Amino acid sequence: MKKTTRADRFFSEAERIRIRDATREAEKGTIGEIAVVVIDRSDDYPEAEVLGGALLGGLSSLVLTMLFFHESLWFYIPLSLLFFFPARMLLKKVPLLRTAFIGRKRMESTVRQAALMSFYDKGLYRTKANTGVLFFLSLLEHKVWVLADKGIHEKIKQEALNKFAVQVSKGIREGKACEALCEAITEAGELLACHFPITPGDTNELPDDVMTA
């Protein structure tokens, strides 16, 4: 049995239905295919565990050494090593704490790479006209990427898609993730309909339900 993740719980059942319906409605006027993927995190960031463990362990050791051991290096060094392991374990158990030790560029590039992998893993590249659009939400990093297949990029630039990502990110920060996502999907559908209108015989090629990793 698959373990329930944060991504599975991020949207309620009612919100999932609302997002599915918004996706279906958006696709009625276009051959474009819209998909939504939500994941817990784009990477485990093991280097953040090591760095955070060293810094937190060293800080804890420094405080104890100053309070009880007269700032002696003979106590500071072994205490730092001792505290490193529980501090690292804490970061491992509480992923949100790791974000304080992850560089912004590292986080952005990692989420983008995860979005690209998801684009291919979920089969968005298989649409007949290469018109798949992915809304990718990575929860730990609070990042959203909107990616489109090559057919879309012939007429719609990435800058236009980035506006949808910013819109959804803002909604997540304000506690209105479902509302913001549905609005972005609707607007994306309108944009797609302008450049890639519906044609006779068009079929639904991608799932309309929210997908999780």
Foldseek 3Di string as FASTA:
>chain_A
DDDDDCQNVVDDPVLLVLQLVLQVVLCPWFLAHEAEEEEQALDQPLVLLQVQLLVVQLVVLQVCCVVPVVRDPVRSVVSSVVSSVVRSVVCNVPVLVSVVRDDPVRRVVSQVVSQVVVCVVQPLCVRPQQRYWYWYAHNSSLFTAIDGGPSCCVPDPRVVRVVLRVQQSVCVVVVNNSVSNSVSSNVVSVVNSVVGTDDPPRDRDGRSGYHYD
